Structures are given as structure tokens and as C-alpha cells.
Amino acid sequence: MSVTLTWTGHATWLVDTGHGTLLVDPFFDECPGCSTQAQHVACDAILVTHGHFDHVADLVAIARRTGAKVFCNWEIGQWLGRQGVENVQPMNHGGRVAVPGGTAKMEIAWHSSSLPDGTYGGNPCGWLLDVGGVRIYVAGDTALFSDMERIGRPDAAGRGLDVAILPIGDLFTMGPDDALEAVRLLQPKLALPSHYGTWPPIEQDAAAWARRVEAAKLAAATAPGVGEPVRVG
């Protein structure tokens, strides 16, 4: 079975597992360069890494319209309840839940988190997905950290990571150099860049970064365009 990953801009991804679609960090209507409007997004579950506006801007509207279950930390779950979103599964680091097509484990991330109204957004996270027979690590917004080596270790069946989705924008997250080191630690088969190019302070040459990954013989790498599907498995 194959899984299809689609970058819709900034740090938002759609993951078609073959049994449903996961939406990661919905940011559409106010996202420069995004070609999709929130009202047209279909999904079966939503995964949230943290509370910053560029990761939750369209979360409430999409969750209400679709009824998709939202997986997030406790604080974001409480905030969503106050926005009238009822289908929420709060959790914390280390927790694993069933999602369409497999499982999602909440992993640590080194970042900050506050919600659009200024309230505390809890601890940020990344997601380790095991869906459609494919293992995918979505780092979220984070600095480089040594536990990435643990996240990339093979599972009990001996399977390593198929894909690592890593921020490369710098300033607010790790930049290209640290993202290269992250690939060394994670040892995925395929590395994909995220969280770059939306605004001038995080402008990066993602294609050049992908070439560096491959030149170092760390993994296959590519920088898909907005809306361009990447099939894995």
C-alpha cells in the first residue's frame, strides 16, 4: 500500500493513508502562496503540533465543518472546546492513538506555543506516523535535538523511517544546516522540507537543501511544489 503526502504551503500537509486523510497544522486562507481554501479541504483527522497562528488558523473552521477528530495536546484541546469543537482527543508526549490507516505517536519538539488569543498553548510536539505500512516523522516546528536519533531507530519489526518532514526555514525553527544534521540522526529513506518560504525571514532554497542531503548520501530528498503529491511505499 502507498501513502500520498501533499504539501499545501508553509507547514501544512495532507497525508492520504489509503484509509482516510490526515491534515497536519491547517493554515490555508491567510497563507501566502497557498492555492487551497480552507472551505475546500477534506480530511478525516487533524493533527496539531502547537498553537501558533500559522499552524491553527483554519483549525476551528475545518474541524467544525468536517467533524474530523482533532489530536492535540491538552491545552489546545481545552481551547478548542471553548471554540465549540467537540470531537477532540487531547494527549501528551509519548502517547499513541489510532488514526485512519494506522497510528500516530506524539513526540517532543523544542519550540514555543501560544494560541491566537494569547493563551498558553501547552508543549509543542512532532508526530510519528505509522500509516498505510509507511513510517513518517513530521517534526513540526523545532530546533535540532539529539532525541531525533531515538525517533529514527527501527521499530520492533526492524523498520526505520520512510519519510522525515523537517523545517528548514531558520529563525523560528532549525535552518538548513541543522536540518541536514537532523537527517543524519533520523536516517529516513526520504527527506522533505517544510516551514520555509512563506515570508522573507524564512526564505530558503529548498531544492538546494534537498541536493545537499543527496550529495551527502544521507537520504533521497526532494522539495515538492505546493499541491504536488509525493507517493511513498
Protein backbone atom coordinates (compact mmCIF):
# COMPACT_ATOMS: atom_id res chain seq x y z
CA MET A 1 0.00 0.00 0.00
CA SER A 2 1.22 3.55 -0.70
CA VAL A 3 0.74 6.80 1.18
CA THR A 4 0.45 10.17 -0.55
CA LEU A 5 1.93 13.28 1.07
CA THR A 6 0.88 16.72 -0.19
CA TRP A 7 2.44 19.98 0.99
CA THR A 8 -0.15 22.74 0.71
CA GLY A 9 2.21 25.51 1.79
CA HIS A 10 4.15 26.65 4.88
CA ALA A 11 3.94 23.71 7.35
CA THR A 12 0.60 22.22 6.35
CA TRP A 13 0.45 18.67 4.99
CA LEU A 14 -2.22 16.27 3.83
CA VAL A 15 -1.45 12.59 4.35
CA ASP A 16 -3.63 10.20 2.37
CA THR A 17 -3.15 6.85 4.11
CA GLY A 18 -5.38 4.85 1.80
CA HIS A 19 -7.92 4.60 4.63
CA GLY A 20 -8.52 8.30 5.13
CA THR A 21 -6.78 11.66 5.02
CA LEU A 22 -4.84 13.23 7.88
CA LEU A 23 -4.43 17.01 7.94
CA VAL A 24 -1.41 18.43 9.77
CA ASP A 25 -1.42 22.04 11.05
CA PRO A 26 -4.19 23.67 8.97
CA PHE A 27 -3.13 27.08 7.63
CA PHE A 28 -4.74 27.99 4.32
CA ASP A 29 -6.71 31.20 3.87
CA GLU A 30 -4.05 33.61 5.19
CA CYS A 31 -1.08 31.58 3.95
CA PRO A 32 0.90 33.34 1.17
CA GLY A 33 1.38 31.04 -1.78
CA CYS A 34 -1.23 28.51 -0.67
CA SER A 35 -3.52 27.53 -3.52
CA THR A 36 -6.20 25.85 -1.38
CA GLN A 37 -9.01 27.49 0.57
CA ALA A 38 -9.99 26.07 3.94
CA GLN A 39 -13.59 25.59 2.85
CA HIS A 40 -12.48 23.09 0.20
CA VAL A 41 -10.28 20.94 2.45
CA ALA A 42 -11.49 17.41 3.17
CA CYS A 43 -9.96 15.30 5.93
CA ASP A 44 -10.79 12.51 8.36
CA ALA A 45 -8.49 13.51 11.23
CA ILE A 46 -6.43 16.57 12.17
CA LEU A 47 -3.04 16.53 13.88
CA VAL A 48 -1.80 19.70 15.57
CA THR A 49 1.84 20.31 16.53
CA HIS A 50 1.37 23.55 18.51
CA GLY A 51 -0.79 26.61 18.89
CA HIS A 52 0.85 29.34 16.82
CA PHE A 53 -1.49 31.04 14.34
CA ASP A 54 0.37 29.73 11.29
CA HIS A 55 -0.49 26.19 12.39
CA VAL A 56 -4.06 26.58 13.68
CA ALA A 57 -5.50 29.50 11.72
CA ASP A 58 -8.12 27.35 9.97
CA LEU A 59 -8.31 24.58 12.55
CA VAL A 60 -11.62 25.54 14.15
CA ALA A 61 -13.44 26.14 10.86
CA ILE A 62 -12.26 22.87 9.30
CA ALA A 63 -12.88 20.83 12.45
CA ARG A 64 -16.43 22.17 12.77
CA ARG A 65 -17.27 21.68 9.09
CA THR A 66 -15.81 18.20 8.65
CA GLY A 67 -16.34 16.76 12.13
CA ALA A 68 -12.83 15.28 11.87
CA LYS A 69 -11.31 14.30 15.20
CA VAL A 70 -8.55 16.64 16.34
CA PHE A 71 -5.48 15.17 18.03
CA CYS A 72 -3.54 17.73 20.05
CA ASN A 73 -2.12 18.50 23.47
CA TRP A 74 -4.35 19.13 26.48
CA GLU A 75 -4.18 22.92 26.37
CA ILE A 76 -5.10 23.17 22.70
CA GLY A 77 -7.90 20.68 23.34
CA GLN A 78 -9.32 22.91 26.07
CA TRP A 79 -9.08 25.94 23.79
CA LEU A 80 -10.88 24.08 21.01
CA GLY A 81 -13.68 23.19 23.41
CA ARG A 82 -14.20 26.88 24.09
CA GLN A 83 -14.47 27.41 20.31
CA GLY A 84 -17.25 24.83 20.08
CA VAL A 85 -15.14 21.99 18.68
CA GLU A 86 -16.27 18.77 20.37
CA ASN A 87 -14.51 15.92 18.54
CA VAL A 88 -11.12 16.34 20.21
CA GLN A 89 -8.63 13.85 21.64
CA PRO A 90 -6.19 15.64 23.98
CA MET A 91 -2.96 13.77 24.68
CA ASN A 92 0.66 14.34 25.65
CA HIS A 93 4.19 13.38 24.67
CA GLY A 94 4.71 9.65 24.31
CA GLY A 95 1.04 8.92 23.73
CA ARG A 96 -0.03 6.87 20.73
CA VAL A 97 -3.50 6.88 19.17
CA ALA A 98 -5.32 5.18 16.32
CA VAL A 99 -5.85 7.30 13.22
CA PRO A 100 -7.27 6.35 9.81
CA GLY A 101 -4.81 3.89 8.32
CA GLY A 102 -2.67 3.26 11.41
CA THR A 103 -1.33 5.10 14.44
CA ALA A 104 0.13 8.46 15.44
CA LYS A 105 2.53 8.97 18.34
CA MET A 106 3.09 12.40 19.87
CA GLU A 107 6.81 13.16 20.03
CA ILE A 108 8.73 16.01 21.63
CA ALA A 109 9.70 19.24 19.87
CA TRP A 110 11.83 22.18 21.00
CA HIS A 111 9.80 25.30 20.30
CA SER A 112 7.24 27.57 21.96
CA SER A 113 3.44 27.54 21.81
CA SER A 114 0.72 30.10 22.36
CA LEU A 115 -2.74 30.33 20.84
CA PRO A 116 -4.11 33.13 18.64
CA ASP A 117 -5.88 34.76 21.61
CA GLY A 118 -2.63 34.81 23.59
CA THR A 119 -3.45 31.93 25.93
CA TYR A 120 -0.89 29.24 26.74
CA GLY A 121 -0.67 26.58 24.03
CA GLY A 122 1.00 23.81 26.01
CA ASN A 123 4.07 21.91 24.92
CA PRO A 124 4.80 21.75 21.16
CA CYS A 125 5.18 18.36 19.53
CA GLY A 126 6.02 16.38 16.44
CA TRP A 127 4.17 13.31 15.15
CA LEU A 128 5.49 9.84 14.36
CA LEU A 129 3.01 8.22 11.99
CA ASP A 130 2.75 4.54 11.15
CA VAL A 131 0.12 4.59 8.43
CA GLY A 132 -0.51 2.51 5.32
CA GLY A 133 2.59 0.48 6.12
CA VAL A 134 4.75 3.62 5.97
CA ARG A 135 6.57 5.30 8.90
CA ILE A 136 6.60 9.09 8.69
CA TYR A 137 8.08 11.61 11.12
CA VAL A 138 6.56 15.09 10.99
CA ALA A 139 8.90 17.17 13.12
CA GLY A 140 6.68 20.24 13.40
CA ASP A 141 8.37 23.48 14.40
CA THR A 142 11.52 22.56 16.27
CA ALA A 143 15.20 23.09 16.84
CA LEU A 144 17.60 20.23 16.32
CA PHE A 145 17.70 17.82 19.27
CA SER A 146 19.60 14.62 19.93
CA ASP A 147 16.47 12.52 20.58
CA MET A 148 15.91 12.55 16.84
CA GLU A 149 18.32 9.61 16.80
CA ARG A 150 15.89 7.71 19.04
CA ILE A 151 12.89 8.68 16.90
CA GLY A 152 14.67 7.35 13.82
CA ARG A 153 15.59 3.98 15.31
CA PRO A 154 13.98 0.92 13.69
CA ASP A 155 10.81 -0.34 15.33
CA ALA A 156 10.32 -3.83 16.76
CA ALA A 157 9.83 -5.16 13.23
CA GLY A 158 13.11 -3.63 12.09
CA ARG A 159 11.52 -0.84 10.07
CA GLY A 160 13.25 2.54 10.04
CA LEU A 161 11.72 5.81 8.92
CA ASP A 162 10.42 6.00 5.40
CA VAL A 163 9.98 9.79 5.47
CA ALA A 164 11.13 12.71 7.61
CA ILE A 165 9.40 16.08 7.16
CA LEU A 166 11.68 18.74 8.61
CA PRO A 167 11.53 22.53 8.99
CA ILE A 168 14.35 24.34 7.20
CA GLY A 169 13.27 28.00 7.46
CA ASP A 170 15.67 29.07 10.24
CA LEU A 171 14.96 31.98 12.64
CA PHE A 172 11.89 30.34 14.23
CA THR A 173 13.00 26.72 13.67
CA MET A 174 16.18 24.93 12.71
CA GLY A 175 17.69 26.07 9.44
CA PRO A 176 19.18 24.12 6.53
CA ASP A 177 22.42 23.13 8.29
CA ASP A 178 20.70 21.77 11.39
CA ALA A 179 18.05 20.13 9.23
CA LEU A 180 20.87 18.32 7.43
CA GLU A 181 22.13 17.07 10.78
CA ALA A 182 18.57 16.01 11.64
CA VAL A 183 18.58 13.78 8.56
CA ARG A 184 21.86 12.23 9.79
CA LEU A 185 20.24 11.41 13.12
CA LEU A 186 16.89 10.19 11.77
CA GLN A 187 18.21 8.17 8.81
CA PRO A 188 14.99 8.26 6.76
CA LYS A 189 14.72 6.91 3.25
CA LEU A 190 13.26 10.23 2.07
CA ALA A 191 13.62 13.76 3.50
CA LEU A 192 11.15 16.56 2.73
CA PRO A 193 11.49 20.26 3.69
CA SER A 194 8.79 22.27 5.45
CA HIS A 195 8.18 25.64 7.16
CA TYR A 196 10.03 27.83 4.68
CA GLY A 197 9.42 30.45 2.02
CA THR A 198 6.15 31.80 3.41
CA TRP A 199 7.62 35.18 4.36
CA PRO A 200 11.03 36.78 3.68
CA PRO A 201 12.53 35.99 7.12
CA ILE A 202 12.24 32.24 6.43
CA GLU A 203 13.02 32.27 2.71
CA GLN A 204 15.20 29.28 1.76
CA ASP A 205 16.29 27.41 -1.35
CA ALA A 206 14.59 24.11 -0.58
CA ALA A 207 15.77 22.46 -3.78
CA ALA A 208 19.38 23.31 -2.90
CA TRP A 209 18.86 21.80 0.56
CA ALA A 210 17.49 18.61 -1.00
CA ARG A 211 20.57 18.43 -3.23
CA ARG A 212 22.81 18.76 -0.15
CA VAL A 213 21.00 15.85 1.52
CA GLU A 214 21.55 13.65 -1.51
CA ALA A 215 25.13 14.82 -2.08
CA ALA A 216 25.95 13.78 1.48
CA LYS A 217 24.34 10.40 0.74
CA LEU A 218 22.09 10.73 3.78
CA ALA A 219 18.74 10.01 2.10
CA ALA A 220 16.75 10.65 -1.01
CA ALA A 221 15.34 14.18 -0.85
CA THR A 222 13.04 16.40 -2.83
CA ALA A 223 11.32 19.76 -2.45
CA PRO A 224 7.79 19.29 -3.80
CA GLY A 225 5.88 22.27 -5.03
CA VAL A 226 2.66 23.43 -3.41
CA GLY A 227 -0.01 20.83 -4.12
CA GLU A 228 2.43 18.37 -5.70
CA PRO A 229 1.80 14.83 -4.38
CA VAL A 230 4.65 12.65 -3.14
CA ARG A 231 3.85 8.93 -3.10
CA VAL A 232 5.67 6.66 -0.69
CA GLY A 233 5.51 2.90 -0.33
